[in-house]
Amino acid sequence: MSVARITTINFKTKEDADKSIEDYSSNAPNEFPEAEQLLQFRASNTTVMAISLYSDNEAMERASAARSKRMSENEKTFEVVDTKTGEITLNHKK
């Protein structure tokens, strides 16, 4: 059963969001090697969403240490963080 972690971050400034997008794009593939898919998109100047897909809950939990490290290193730039996890019910690719 594939699972996803979706994290929405509202940054304090556009510049904070810019830096985070650049850093995550460069480093996340190495930081989360068990992720089957990593997606990131900007919803507004200060809102960024990251979606990580894993093969199962155990793989997602093994990634939690890297996620905690990344989040704690950047927490001063966050206004609000919202995270949801759950089972993938559709993953259509062309």
C-alpha atoms as a PDB file:
ATOM      1  CA  MET A   1       0.000   0.000   0.000  1.00  0.00           C
ATOM      2  CA  SER A   2       1.623   3.254  -1.125  1.00  0.00           C
ATOM      3  CA  VAL A   3       1.357   6.238   1.191  1.00  0.00           C
ATOM      4  CA  ALA A   4       1.926   9.971   0.877  1.00  0.00           C
ATOM      5  CA  ARG A   5       3.060  12.777   3.103  1.00  0.00           C
ATOM      6  CA  ILE A   6       1.832  16.209   2.031  1.00  0.00           C
ATOM      7  CA  THR A   7       3.353  19.223   3.730  1.00  0.00           C
ATOM      8  CA  THR A   8       2.119  22.752   3.143  1.00  0.00           C
ATOM      9  CA  ILE A   9       4.366  25.520   4.420  1.00  0.00           C
ATOM     10  CA  ASN A  10       3.462  29.187   4.583  1.00  0.00           C
ATOM     11  CA  PHE A  11       6.739  31.072   4.786  1.00  0.00           C
ATOM     12  CA  LYS A  12       7.215  34.432   6.446  1.00  0.00           C
ATOM     13  CA  THR A  13       8.630  35.985   3.268  1.00  0.00           C
ATOM     14  CA  LYS A  14       8.866  35.329  -0.452  1.00  0.00           C
ATOM     15  CA  GLU A  15      12.652  35.187  -0.090  1.00  0.00           C
ATOM     16  CA  ASP A  16      12.346  32.407   2.510  1.00  0.00           C
ATOM     17  CA  ALA A  17      10.139  30.442   0.120  1.00  0.00           C
ATOM     18  CA  ASP A  18      12.586  31.035  -2.750  1.00  0.00           C
ATOM     19  CA  LYS A  19      15.501  29.681  -0.690  1.00  0.00           C
ATOM     20  CA  SER A  20      13.522  26.671   0.467  1.00  0.00           C
ATOM     21  CA  ILE A  21      12.430  25.769  -3.065  1.00  0.00           C
ATOM     22  CA  GLU A  22      16.002  25.939  -4.320  1.00  0.00           C
ATOM     23  CA  ASP A  23      17.378  23.922  -1.408  1.00  0.00           C
ATOM     24  CA  TYR A  24      14.664  21.245  -1.497  1.00  0.00           C
ATOM     25  CA  SER A  25      14.981  20.849  -5.268  1.00  0.00           C
ATOM     26  CA  SER A  26      18.726  20.337  -4.977  1.00  0.00           C
ATOM     27  CA  ASN A  27      18.883  18.145  -1.883  1.00  0.00           C
ATOM     28  CA  ALA A  28      15.622  16.259  -1.314  1.00  0.00           C
ATOM     29  CA  PRO A  29      16.328  13.398  -3.748  1.00  0.00           C
ATOM     30  CA  ASN A  30      19.429  12.491  -1.726  1.00  0.00           C
ATOM     31  CA  GLU A  31      17.841  13.165   1.662  1.00  0.00           C
ATOM     32  CA  PHE A  32      14.815  10.960   0.940  1.00  0.00           C
ATOM     33  CA  PRO A  33      16.203   8.032  -1.060  1.00  0.00           C
ATOM     34  CA  GLU A  34      13.245   5.740  -0.304  1.00  0.00           C
ATOM     35  CA  ALA A  35      10.707   8.173  -1.732  1.00  0.00           C
ATOM     36  CA  GLU A  36       9.168   6.766  -4.889  1.00  0.00           C
ATOM     37  CA  GLN A  37       8.220  10.255  -6.002  1.00  0.00           C
ATOM     38  CA  LEU A  38       8.900  13.790  -4.773  1.00  0.00           C
ATOM     39  CA  LEU A  39       6.802  16.722  -5.932  1.00  0.00           C
ATOM     40  CA  GLN A  40       7.051  20.359  -4.952  1.00  0.00           C
ATOM     41  CA  PHE A  41       4.963  23.263  -6.112  1.00  0.00           C
ATOM     42  CA  ARG A  42       4.491  26.874  -5.255  1.00  0.00           C
ATOM     43  CA  ALA A  43       0.889  27.825  -4.526  1.00  0.00           C
ATOM     44  CA  SER A  44       1.659  31.512  -3.888  1.00  0.00           C
ATOM     45  CA  ASN A  45       4.656  33.751  -3.222  1.00  0.00           C
ATOM     46  CA  THR A  46       4.928  32.396   0.310  1.00  0.00           C
ATOM     47  CA  THR A  47       3.142  29.024   0.155  1.00  0.00           C
ATOM     48  CA  VAL A  48       4.925  25.858  -0.942  1.00  0.00           C
ATOM     49  CA  MET A  49       3.648  22.283  -0.938  1.00  0.00           C
ATOM     50  CA  ALA A  50       5.784  19.156  -0.934  1.00  0.00           C
ATOM     51  CA  ILE A  51       4.336  15.729  -1.701  1.00  0.00           C
ATOM     52  CA  SER A  52       6.337  12.582  -1.001  1.00  0.00           C
ATOM     53  CA  LEU A  53       5.172   9.117  -2.048  1.00  0.00           C
ATOM     54  CA  TYR A  54       6.493   5.983  -0.338  1.00  0.00           C
ATOM     55  CA  SER A  55       5.933   2.270  -0.864  1.00  0.00           C
ATOM     56  CA  ASP A  56       4.541   1.837   2.672  1.00  0.00           C
ATOM     57  CA  ASN A  57       4.319   3.413   6.127  1.00  0.00           C
ATOM     58  CA  GLU A  58       7.611   1.865   7.227  1.00  0.00           C
ATOM     59  CA  ALA A  59       9.513   3.560   4.383  1.00  0.00           C
ATOM     60  CA  MET A  60       7.818   6.870   5.180  1.00  0.00           C
ATOM     61  CA  GLU A  61       8.727   6.531   8.858  1.00  0.00           C
ATOM     62  CA  ARG A  62      12.373   5.814   8.000  1.00  0.00           C
ATOM     63  CA  ALA A  63      12.382   9.170   6.191  1.00  0.00           C
ATOM     64  CA  SER A  64      11.093  10.973   9.288  1.00  0.00           C
ATOM     65  CA  ALA A  65      14.559  11.649  10.753  1.00  0.00           C
ATOM     66  CA  ALA A  66      15.686  13.447   7.582  1.00  0.00           C
ATOM     67  CA  ARG A  67      12.385  15.337   7.478  1.00  0.00           C
ATOM     68  CA  SER A  68      12.696  16.403  11.126  1.00  0.00           C
ATOM     69  CA  LYS A  69      16.235  17.635  10.522  1.00  0.00           C
ATOM     70  CA  ARG A  70      15.178  19.641   7.455  1.00  0.00           C
ATOM     71  CA  MET A  71      12.179  21.133   9.250  1.00  0.00           C
ATOM     72  CA  SER A  72      14.104  22.110  12.395  1.00  0.00           C
ATOM     73  CA  GLU A  73      16.864  23.786  10.364  1.00  0.00           C
ATOM     74  CA  ASN A  74      14.298  26.034   8.686  1.00  0.00           C
ATOM     75  CA  GLU A  75      11.600  26.481  11.341  1.00  0.00           C
ATOM     76  CA  LYS A  76      12.387  30.176  11.880  1.00  0.00           C
ATOM     77  CA  THR A  77      11.283  30.880   8.299  1.00  0.00           C
ATOM     78  CA  PHE A  78       7.862  29.204   8.724  1.00  0.00           C
ATOM     79  CA  GLU A  79       4.653  31.045   9.461  1.00  0.00           C
ATOM     80  CA  VAL A  80       2.445  27.918   9.393  1.00  0.00           C
ATOM     81  CA  VAL A  81       3.117  24.234   8.627  1.00  0.00           C
ATOM     82  CA  ASP A  82       0.370  21.711   7.894  1.00  0.00           C
ATOM     83  CA  THR A  83       1.157  18.038   7.263  1.00  0.00           C
ATOM     84  CA  LYS A  84      -1.168  15.259   6.193  1.00  0.00           C
ATOM     85  CA  THR A  85      -0.373  11.588   5.588  1.00  0.00           C
ATOM     86  CA  GLY A  86      -2.479   8.859   4.073  1.00  0.00           C
ATOM     87  CA  GLU A  87      -2.934   5.983   1.686  1.00  0.00           C
ATOM     88  CA  ILE A  88      -2.616   6.645  -2.038  1.00  0.00           C
ATOM     89  CA  THR A  89      -5.902   5.867  -3.720  1.00  0.00           C
ATOM     90  CA  LEU A  90      -4.933   7.034  -7.237  1.00  0.00           C
ATOM     91  CA  ASN A  91      -1.533   7.503  -8.842  1.00  0.00           C
ATOM     92  CA  HIS A  92      -2.197   7.870 -12.555  1.00  0.00           C
ATOM     93  CA  LYS A  93       0.830   8.426 -14.800  1.00  0.00           C
ATOM     94  CA  LYS A  94       0.974   8.761 -18.574  1.00  0.00           C
END
